[in-house]
Amino acid sequence: MTVWDRPEPPARPVPLDRERIVAAAVALADEGGLEAVSLRKVAARLNAGPMRLYGYISTKEELFDLMVEEVQAEILPEEQPGDWREALRILAHRTRQAALRHEWLADLLGGRPTLGPNGLAVTEAKLAALDGLADVDTVMRAVETVSAYVTGAIRREIANLRAERATGLSKRDWQRASGPHVTKMLATGRFPALTKAVHDGTDVDAETSFATGLDWILDAVAAKLTGPPA
């Protein structure tokens, strides 16, 4: 029985329900990452005994599932665009924005899908955007491909943000500090393609990089789409 199918226990003197538990867990994760979340710490924030939480949530993994489910409500747009590219683009950008608000989400993306109503609705929106444009297997592979790009790009961006905080160096400061070593290595002539990229490539911000890569992925999906068989 999943956490969504299991009924909540009756109310006790200290008001408690899964909604309050999940809200407290999300707040803890927003402040300190997933390592700051435990049933004991959530109980302490709610002024409840830790054992009471087990009536609502059996494991920390269930709690993480519910936290992702909560944030997925932020990803769903109010209306589904008619154009499939725009629908997938909006979902991708809203996923990135949610991850920037809740950086811990990057650590939980890409695994088994959560089975709550919001998680299922996000999956439904992705599949519905392509429904009827190709056979169901092509649609599923297309959705998987876009999701894989979105997850990877978000994780890379969040990793860079964490590195900035951990080192105290911005991207520009890190580039300056690493410059002498990179210059020395490029001067060996062993890395001609990398040398060209460093000297001639255009440095763009994370949002532009994400949007550009997403458009390329959507172009690749468009090339694979065919109409349904007659």
C-alpha atoms as a PDB file:
ATOM      1  CA  MET A   1       0.000   0.000   0.000  1.00  0.00           C
ATOM      2  CA  THR A   2       1.463   3.366  -1.017  1.00  0.00           C
ATOM      3  CA  VAL A   3       1.505   6.391   1.227  1.00  0.00           C
ATOM      4  CA  TRP A   4      -1.254   7.907  -0.909  1.00  0.00           C
ATOM      5  CA  ASP A   5      -3.521   4.887  -0.337  1.00  0.00           C
ATOM      6  CA  ARG A   6      -2.906   4.544   3.396  1.00  0.00           C
ATOM      7  CA  PRO A   7      -5.393   6.524   5.524  1.00  0.00           C
ATOM      8  CA  GLU A   8      -4.148   8.995   8.088  1.00  0.00           C
ATOM      9  CA  PRO A   9      -4.655   8.204  11.790  1.00  0.00           C
ATOM     10  CA  PRO A  10      -7.279  10.104  13.786  1.00  0.00           C
ATOM     11  CA  ALA A  11      -6.416  13.536  15.196  1.00  0.00           C
ATOM     12  CA  ARG A  12      -4.636  13.737  18.545  1.00  0.00           C
ATOM     13  CA  PRO A  13      -4.212  16.621  21.029  1.00  0.00           C
ATOM     14  CA  VAL A  14      -1.406  18.166  18.939  1.00  0.00           C
ATOM     15  CA  PRO A  15      -2.898  18.887  15.487  1.00  0.00           C
ATOM     16  CA  LEU A  16      -1.044  16.871  12.881  1.00  0.00           C
ATOM     17  CA  ASP A  17      -1.605  15.666   9.344  1.00  0.00           C
ATOM     18  CA  ARG A  18       0.487  14.782   6.315  1.00  0.00           C
ATOM     19  CA  GLU A  19       0.089  18.266   4.879  1.00  0.00           C
ATOM     20  CA  ARG A  20       1.702  19.879   7.920  1.00  0.00           C
ATOM     21  CA  ILE A  21       4.397  17.201   8.089  1.00  0.00           C
ATOM     22  CA  VAL A  22       5.335  17.655   4.428  1.00  0.00           C
ATOM     23  CA  ALA A  23       5.303  21.460   4.705  1.00  0.00           C
ATOM     24  CA  ALA A  24       7.714  21.259   7.648  1.00  0.00           C
ATOM     25  CA  ALA A  25       9.968  18.823   5.763  1.00  0.00           C
ATOM     26  CA  VAL A  26      10.053  21.063   2.676  1.00  0.00           C
ATOM     27  CA  ALA A  27      10.958  24.064   4.845  1.00  0.00           C
ATOM     28  CA  LEU A  28      13.810  22.115   6.469  1.00  0.00           C
ATOM     29  CA  ALA A  29      15.099  20.962   3.071  1.00  0.00           C
ATOM     30  CA  ASP A  30      14.893  24.490   1.644  1.00  0.00           C
ATOM     31  CA  GLU A  31      17.019  25.685   4.560  1.00  0.00           C
ATOM     32  CA  GLY A  32      19.607  22.906   4.707  1.00  0.00           C
ATOM     33  CA  GLY A  33      19.134  20.359   1.938  1.00  0.00           C
ATOM     34  CA  LEU A  34      17.924  16.783   2.235  1.00  0.00           C
ATOM     35  CA  GLU A  35      20.509  16.040   4.914  1.00  0.00           C
ATOM     36  CA  ALA A  36      18.587  18.442   7.169  1.00  0.00           C
ATOM     37  CA  VAL A  37      15.438  16.311   6.894  1.00  0.00           C
ATOM     38  CA  SER A  38      14.629  13.463   9.249  1.00  0.00           C
ATOM     39  CA  LEU A  39      11.436  12.372  10.926  1.00  0.00           C
ATOM     40  CA  ARG A  40      12.942  13.440  14.259  1.00  0.00           C
ATOM     41  CA  LYS A  41      13.748  16.945  13.001  1.00  0.00           C
ATOM     42  CA  VAL A  42      10.344  17.303  11.357  1.00  0.00           C
ATOM     43  CA  ALA A  43       8.650  16.222  14.587  1.00  0.00           C
ATOM     44  CA  ALA A  44      10.697  18.760  16.543  1.00  0.00           C
ATOM     45  CA  ARG A  45       9.641  21.558  14.208  1.00  0.00           C
ATOM     46  CA  LEU A  46       6.007  20.558  14.729  1.00  0.00           C
ATOM     47  CA  ASN A  47       6.403  20.185  18.508  1.00  0.00           C
ATOM     48  CA  ALA A  48       5.306  16.575  18.251  1.00  0.00           C
ATOM     49  CA  GLY A  49       6.831  13.305  19.358  1.00  0.00           C
ATOM     50  CA  PRO A  50       8.787  11.508  16.592  1.00  0.00           C
ATOM     51  CA  MET A  51       6.775   8.308  17.000  1.00  0.00           C
ATOM     52  CA  ARG A  52       3.586  10.179  16.102  1.00  0.00           C
ATOM     53  CA  LEU A  53       4.914  10.801  12.598  1.00  0.00           C
ATOM     54  CA  TYR A  54       5.108   7.073  11.914  1.00  0.00           C
ATOM     55  CA  GLY A  55       1.325   6.955  11.972  1.00  0.00           C
ATOM     56  CA  TYR A  56       1.372   9.177   8.900  1.00  0.00           C
ATOM     57  CA  ILE A  57       4.660   8.290   7.173  1.00  0.00           C
ATOM     58  CA  SER A  58       6.484   4.972   7.503  1.00  0.00           C
ATOM     59  CA  THR A  59       9.941   5.847   6.133  1.00  0.00           C
ATOM     60  CA  LYS A  60      12.083   8.820   5.155  1.00  0.00           C
ATOM     61  CA  GLU A  61      11.753   7.648   1.547  1.00  0.00           C
ATOM     62  CA  GLU A  62       7.996   8.080   1.783  1.00  0.00           C
ATOM     63  CA  LEU A  63       8.559  11.555   3.183  1.00  0.00           C
ATOM     64  CA  PHE A  64      10.826  12.416   0.238  1.00  0.00           C
ATOM     65  CA  ASP A  65       8.166  11.141  -2.174  1.00  0.00           C
ATOM     66  CA  LEU A  66       5.596  13.406  -0.541  1.00  0.00           C
ATOM     67  CA  MET A  67       7.988  16.361  -0.667  1.00  0.00           C
ATOM     68  CA  VAL A  68       8.514  15.873  -4.408  1.00  0.00           C
ATOM     69  CA  GLU A  69       4.763  15.505  -4.827  1.00  0.00           C
ATOM     70  CA  GLU A  70       4.259  18.824  -3.028  1.00  0.00           C
ATOM     71  CA  VAL A  71       6.709  20.669  -5.276  1.00  0.00           C
ATOM     72  CA  GLN A  72       5.301  19.107  -8.442  1.00  0.00           C
ATOM     73  CA  ALA A  73       2.179  21.162  -7.839  1.00  0.00           C
ATOM     74  CA  GLU A  74       4.369  24.190  -8.681  1.00  0.00           C
ATOM     75  CA  ILE A  75       5.351  22.649 -12.029  1.00  0.00           C
ATOM     76  CA  LEU A  76       1.900  22.157 -13.512  1.00  0.00           C
ATOM     77  CA  PRO A  77       0.721  25.153 -15.562  1.00  0.00           C
ATOM     78  CA  GLU A  78      -2.840  26.346 -15.133  1.00  0.00           C
ATOM     79  CA  GLU A  79      -3.613  25.592 -18.769  1.00  0.00           C
ATOM     80  CA  GLN A  80      -2.121  23.105 -21.215  1.00  0.00           C
ATOM     81  CA  PRO A  81      -0.889  24.880 -24.387  1.00  0.00           C
ATOM     82  CA  GLY A  82      -2.150  23.430 -27.664  1.00  0.00           C
ATOM     83  CA  ASP A  83       1.297  23.359 -29.255  1.00  0.00           C
ATOM     84  CA  TRP A  84       3.325  20.333 -28.118  1.00  0.00           C
ATOM     85  CA  ARG A  85       6.658  22.159 -28.181  1.00  0.00           C
ATOM     86  CA  GLU A  86       5.332  24.998 -26.074  1.00  0.00           C
ATOM     87  CA  ALA A  87       3.727  22.533 -23.645  1.00  0.00           C
ATOM     88  CA  LEU A  88       6.977  20.620 -23.099  1.00  0.00           C
ATOM     89  CA  ARG A  89       8.996  23.846 -23.005  1.00  0.00           C
ATOM     90  CA  ILE A  90       6.786  25.331 -20.291  1.00  0.00           C
ATOM     91  CA  LEU A  91       6.959  22.153 -18.200  1.00  0.00           C
ATOM     92  CA  ALA A  92      10.756  22.083 -18.541  1.00  0.00           C
ATOM     93  CA  HIS A  93      11.200  25.709 -17.518  1.00  0.00           C
ATOM     94  CA  ARG A  94       8.757  25.365 -14.623  1.00  0.00           C
ATOM     95  CA  THR A  95      10.676  22.296 -13.430  1.00  0.00           C
ATOM     96  CA  ARG A  96      13.920  24.289 -13.517  1.00  0.00           C
ATOM     97  CA  GLN A  97      12.325  27.193 -11.656  1.00  0.00           C
ATOM     98  CA  ALA A  98      10.950  24.844  -8.993  1.00  0.00           C
ATOM     99  CA  ALA A  99      14.397  23.293  -8.565  1.00  0.00           C
ATOM    100  CA  LEU A 100      15.984  26.716  -8.140  1.00  0.00           C
ATOM    101  CA  ARG A 101      13.461  27.460  -5.377  1.00  0.00           C
ATOM    102  CA  HIS A 102      13.959  24.010  -3.834  1.00  0.00           C
ATOM    103  CA  GLU A 103      17.515  22.936  -4.703  1.00  0.00           C
ATOM    104  CA  TRP A 104      17.083  19.543  -3.021  1.00  0.00           C
ATOM    105  CA  LEU A 105      14.650  18.611  -5.790  1.00  0.00           C
ATOM    106  CA  ALA A 106      17.647  18.120  -8.100  1.00  0.00           C
ATOM    107  CA  ASP A 107      18.765  15.219  -5.896  1.00  0.00           C
ATOM    108  CA  LEU A 108      15.415  13.443  -6.270  1.00  0.00           C
ATOM    109  CA  LEU A 109      14.739  13.961  -9.980  1.00  0.00           C
ATOM    110  CA  GLY A 110      15.276  11.152 -12.441  1.00  0.00           C
ATOM    111  CA  GLY A 111      14.459   8.115 -10.315  1.00  0.00           C
ATOM    112  CA  ARG A 112      11.238   6.182 -10.116  1.00  0.00           C
ATOM    113  CA  PRO A 113       8.261   8.480 -10.654  1.00  0.00           C
ATOM    114  CA  THR A 114       6.209   9.462  -7.645  1.00  0.00           C
ATOM    115  CA  LEU A 115       2.662   8.142  -7.772  1.00  0.00           C
ATOM    116  CA  GLY A 116       0.782  10.998  -6.122  1.00  0.00           C
ATOM    117  CA  PRO A 117      -1.822  13.003  -8.046  1.00  0.00           C
ATOM    118  CA  ASN A 118       0.544  15.875  -8.836  1.00  0.00           C
ATOM    119  CA  GLY A 119       3.299  13.569 -10.046  1.00  0.00           C
ATOM    120  CA  LEU A 120       0.881  11.628 -12.223  1.00  0.00           C
ATOM    121  CA  ALA A 121      -0.553  14.890 -13.559  1.00  0.00           C
ATOM    122  CA  VAL A 122       2.910  16.094 -14.599  1.00  0.00           C
ATOM    123  CA  THR A 123       3.519  12.832 -16.448  1.00  0.00           C
ATOM    124  CA  GLU A 124       0.065  13.040 -18.010  1.00  0.00           C
ATOM    125  CA  ALA A 125       0.773  16.579 -19.229  1.00  0.00           C
ATOM    126  CA  LYS A 126       4.001  15.464 -20.917  1.00  0.00           C
ATOM    127  CA  LEU A 127       2.385  12.496 -22.635  1.00  0.00           C
ATOM    128  CA  ALA A 128      -0.748  14.439 -23.557  1.00  0.00           C
ATOM    129  CA  ALA A 129       1.361  17.090 -25.298  1.00  0.00           C
ATOM    130  CA  LEU A 130       2.492  14.469 -27.839  1.00  0.00           C
ATOM    131  CA  ASP A 131      -0.604  12.283 -27.882  1.00  0.00           C
ATOM    132  CA  GLY A 132      -1.675  11.498 -31.428  1.00  0.00           C
ATOM    133  CA  LEU A 133       1.505  12.839 -33.023  1.00  0.00           C
ATOM    134  CA  ALA A 134       3.231   9.436 -33.130  1.00  0.00           C
ATOM    135  CA  ASP A 135       2.824   5.874 -31.900  1.00  0.00           C
ATOM    136  CA  VAL A 136       2.806   5.452 -28.132  1.00  0.00           C
ATOM    137  CA  ASP A 137       6.342   4.027 -27.944  1.00  0.00           C
ATOM    138  CA  THR A 138       7.763   6.998 -29.834  1.00  0.00           C
ATOM    139  CA  VAL A 139       5.860   9.354 -27.542  1.00  0.00           C
ATOM    140  CA  MET A 140       7.238   7.599 -24.450  1.00  0.00           C
ATOM    141  CA  ARG A 141      10.827   7.712 -25.736  1.00  0.00           C
ATOM    142  CA  ALA A 142      10.415  11.381 -26.625  1.00  0.00           C
ATOM    143  CA  VAL A 143       9.166  12.234 -23.131  1.00  0.00           C
ATOM    144  CA  GLU A 144      12.008  10.225 -21.575  1.00  0.00           C
ATOM    145  CA  THR A 145      14.570  12.039 -23.741  1.00  0.00           C
ATOM    146  CA  VAL A 146      13.300  15.505 -22.845  1.00  0.00           C
ATOM    147  CA  SER A 147      13.082  14.574 -19.167  1.00  0.00           C
ATOM    148  CA  ALA A 148      16.642  13.219 -19.199  1.00  0.00           C
ATOM    149  CA  TYR A 149      17.939  16.500 -20.621  1.00  0.00           C
ATOM    150  CA  VAL A 150      15.975  18.589 -18.124  1.00  0.00           C
ATOM    151  CA  THR A 151      17.169  16.509 -15.173  1.00  0.00           C
ATOM    152  CA  GLY A 152      20.808  16.588 -16.275  1.00  0.00           C
ATOM    153  CA  ALA A 153      20.825  20.318 -16.997  1.00  0.00           C
ATOM    154  CA  ILE A 154      19.178  21.133 -13.668  1.00  0.00           C
ATOM    155  CA  ARG A 155      21.596  18.956 -11.720  1.00  0.00           C
ATOM    156  CA  ARG A 156      24.572  20.617 -13.409  1.00  0.00           C
ATOM    157  CA  GLU A 157      23.241  24.095 -12.628  1.00  0.00           C
ATOM    158  CA  ILE A 158      22.482  23.241  -9.000  1.00  0.00           C
ATOM    159  CA  ALA A 159      25.927  21.629  -8.633  1.00  0.00           C
ATOM    160  CA  ASN A 160      27.523  24.873  -9.814  1.00  0.00           C
ATOM    161  CA  LEU A 161      25.455  26.926  -7.361  1.00  0.00           C
ATOM    162  CA  ARG A 162      26.490  24.624  -4.523  1.00  0.00           C
ATOM    163  CA  ALA A 163      30.132  24.857  -5.564  1.00  0.00           C
ATOM    164  CA  GLU A 164      29.930  28.656  -5.456  1.00  0.00           C
ATOM    165  CA  ARG A 165      28.619  28.542  -1.901  1.00  0.00           C
ATOM    166  CA  ALA A 166      31.081  25.876  -0.768  1.00  0.00           C
ATOM    167  CA  THR A 167      34.154  27.656  -2.164  1.00  0.00           C
ATOM    168  CA  GLY A 168      33.030  31.255  -1.847  1.00  0.00           C
ATOM    169  CA  LEU A 169      34.050  31.751  -5.488  1.00  0.00           C
ATOM    170  CA  SER A 170      31.688  32.906  -8.208  1.00  0.00           C
ATOM    171  CA  LYS A 171      32.013  31.339 -11.644  1.00  0.00           C
ATOM    172  CA  ARG A 172      34.093  34.318 -12.782  1.00  0.00           C
ATOM    173  CA  ASP A 173      36.305  34.176  -9.665  1.00  0.00           C
ATOM    174  CA  TRP A 174      36.854  30.441 -10.163  1.00  0.00           C
ATOM    175  CA  GLN A 175      37.795  31.006 -13.808  1.00  0.00           C
ATOM    176  CA  ARG A 176      40.328  33.643 -12.782  1.00  0.00           C
ATOM    177  CA  ALA A 177      41.805  31.403 -10.090  1.00  0.00           C
ATOM    178  CA  SER A 178      42.041  28.463 -12.487  1.00  0.00           C
ATOM    179  CA  GLY A 179      43.305  30.564 -15.382  1.00  0.00           C
ATOM    180  CA  PRO A 180      47.070  30.018 -14.957  1.00  0.00           C
ATOM    181  CA  HIS A 181      46.689  26.238 -14.796  1.00  0.00           C
ATOM    182  CA  VAL A 182      44.310  26.112 -17.779  1.00  0.00           C
ATOM    183  CA  THR A 183      46.615  28.377 -19.808  1.00  0.00           C
ATOM    184  CA  LYS A 184      49.597  26.130 -19.033  1.00  0.00           C
ATOM    185  CA  MET A 185      47.695  22.979 -20.024  1.00  0.00           C
ATOM    186  CA  LEU A 186      46.356  24.465 -23.266  1.00  0.00           C
ATOM    187  CA  ALA A 187      49.866  25.630 -24.197  1.00  0.00           C
ATOM    188  CA  THR A 188      50.966  21.981 -24.430  1.00  0.00           C
ATOM    189  CA  GLY A 189      49.011  21.636 -27.670  1.00  0.00           C
ATOM    190  CA  ARG A 190      47.358  18.425 -26.447  1.00  0.00           C
ATOM    191  CA  PHE A 191      43.873  19.931 -26.355  1.00  0.00           C
ATOM    192  CA  PRO A 192      43.254  21.827 -29.635  1.00  0.00           C
ATOM    193  CA  ALA A 193      39.462  21.518 -29.593  1.00  0.00           C
ATOM    194  CA  LEU A 194      39.298  22.669 -25.978  1.00  0.00           C
ATOM    195  CA  THR A 195      41.682  25.547 -26.748  1.00  0.00           C
ATOM    196  CA  LYS A 196      39.382  26.703 -29.537  1.00  0.00           C
ATOM    197  CA  ALA A 197      36.352  26.496 -27.246  1.00  0.00           C
ATOM    198  CA  VAL A 198      38.084  28.476 -24.484  1.00  0.00           C
ATOM    199  CA  HIS A 199      39.381  31.210 -26.771  1.00  0.00           C
ATOM    200  CA  ASP A 200      36.563  31.507 -29.306  1.00  0.00           C
ATOM    201  CA  GLY A 201      33.461  30.186 -27.545  1.00  0.00           C
ATOM    202  CA  THR A 202      30.746  32.437 -26.130  1.00  0.00           C
ATOM    203  CA  ASP A 203      30.100  32.168 -22.406  1.00  0.00           C
ATOM    204  CA  VAL A 204      26.348  32.278 -21.681  1.00  0.00           C
ATOM    205  CA  ASP A 205      24.328  32.322 -18.481  1.00  0.00           C
ATOM    206  CA  ALA A 206      22.634  29.218 -17.113  1.00  0.00           C
ATOM    207  CA  GLU A 207      19.140  30.166 -18.267  1.00  0.00           C
ATOM    208  CA  THR A 208      20.292  30.765 -21.855  1.00  0.00           C
ATOM    209  CA  SER A 209      22.226  27.501 -21.861  1.00  0.00           C
ATOM    210  CA  PHE A 210      19.188  25.611 -20.564  1.00  0.00           C
ATOM    211  CA  ALA A 211      16.833  27.171 -23.110  1.00  0.00           C
ATOM    212  CA  THR A 212      19.197  26.558 -26.032  1.00  0.00           C
ATOM    213  CA  GLY A 213      19.790  22.925 -25.151  1.00  0.00           C
ATOM    214  CA  LEU A 214      16.073  22.388 -24.636  1.00  0.00           C
ATOM    215  CA  ASP A 215      15.286  23.784 -28.078  1.00  0.00           C
ATOM    216  CA  TRP A 216      17.839  21.422 -29.625  1.00  0.00           C
ATOM    217  CA  ILE A 217      16.257  18.458 -27.839  1.00  0.00           C
ATOM    218  CA  LEU A 218      12.802  19.513 -29.010  1.00  0.00           C
ATOM    219  CA  ASP A 219      14.155  19.815 -32.566  1.00  0.00           C
ATOM    220  CA  ALA A 220      15.385  16.225 -32.296  1.00  0.00           C
ATOM    221  CA  VAL A 221      11.987  15.079 -31.018  1.00  0.00           C
ATOM    222  CA  ALA A 222      10.248  16.892 -33.877  1.00  0.00           C
ATOM    223  CA  ALA A 223      12.416  15.009 -36.373  1.00  0.00           C
ATOM    224  CA  LYS A 224      11.186  11.700 -34.945  1.00  0.00           C
ATOM    225  CA  LEU A 225       7.499  12.521 -34.808  1.00  0.00           C
ATOM    226  CA  THR A 226       5.254  11.057 -37.468  1.00  0.00           C
ATOM    227  CA  GLY A 227       1.509  11.044 -37.767  1.00  0.00           C
ATOM    228  CA  PRO A 228      -0.464   8.091 -36.423  1.00  0.00           C
ATOM    229  CA  PRO A 229      -0.864   5.192 -38.833  1.00  0.00           C
ATOM    230  CA  ALA A 230      -3.865   5.469 -41.106  1.00  0.00           C
END
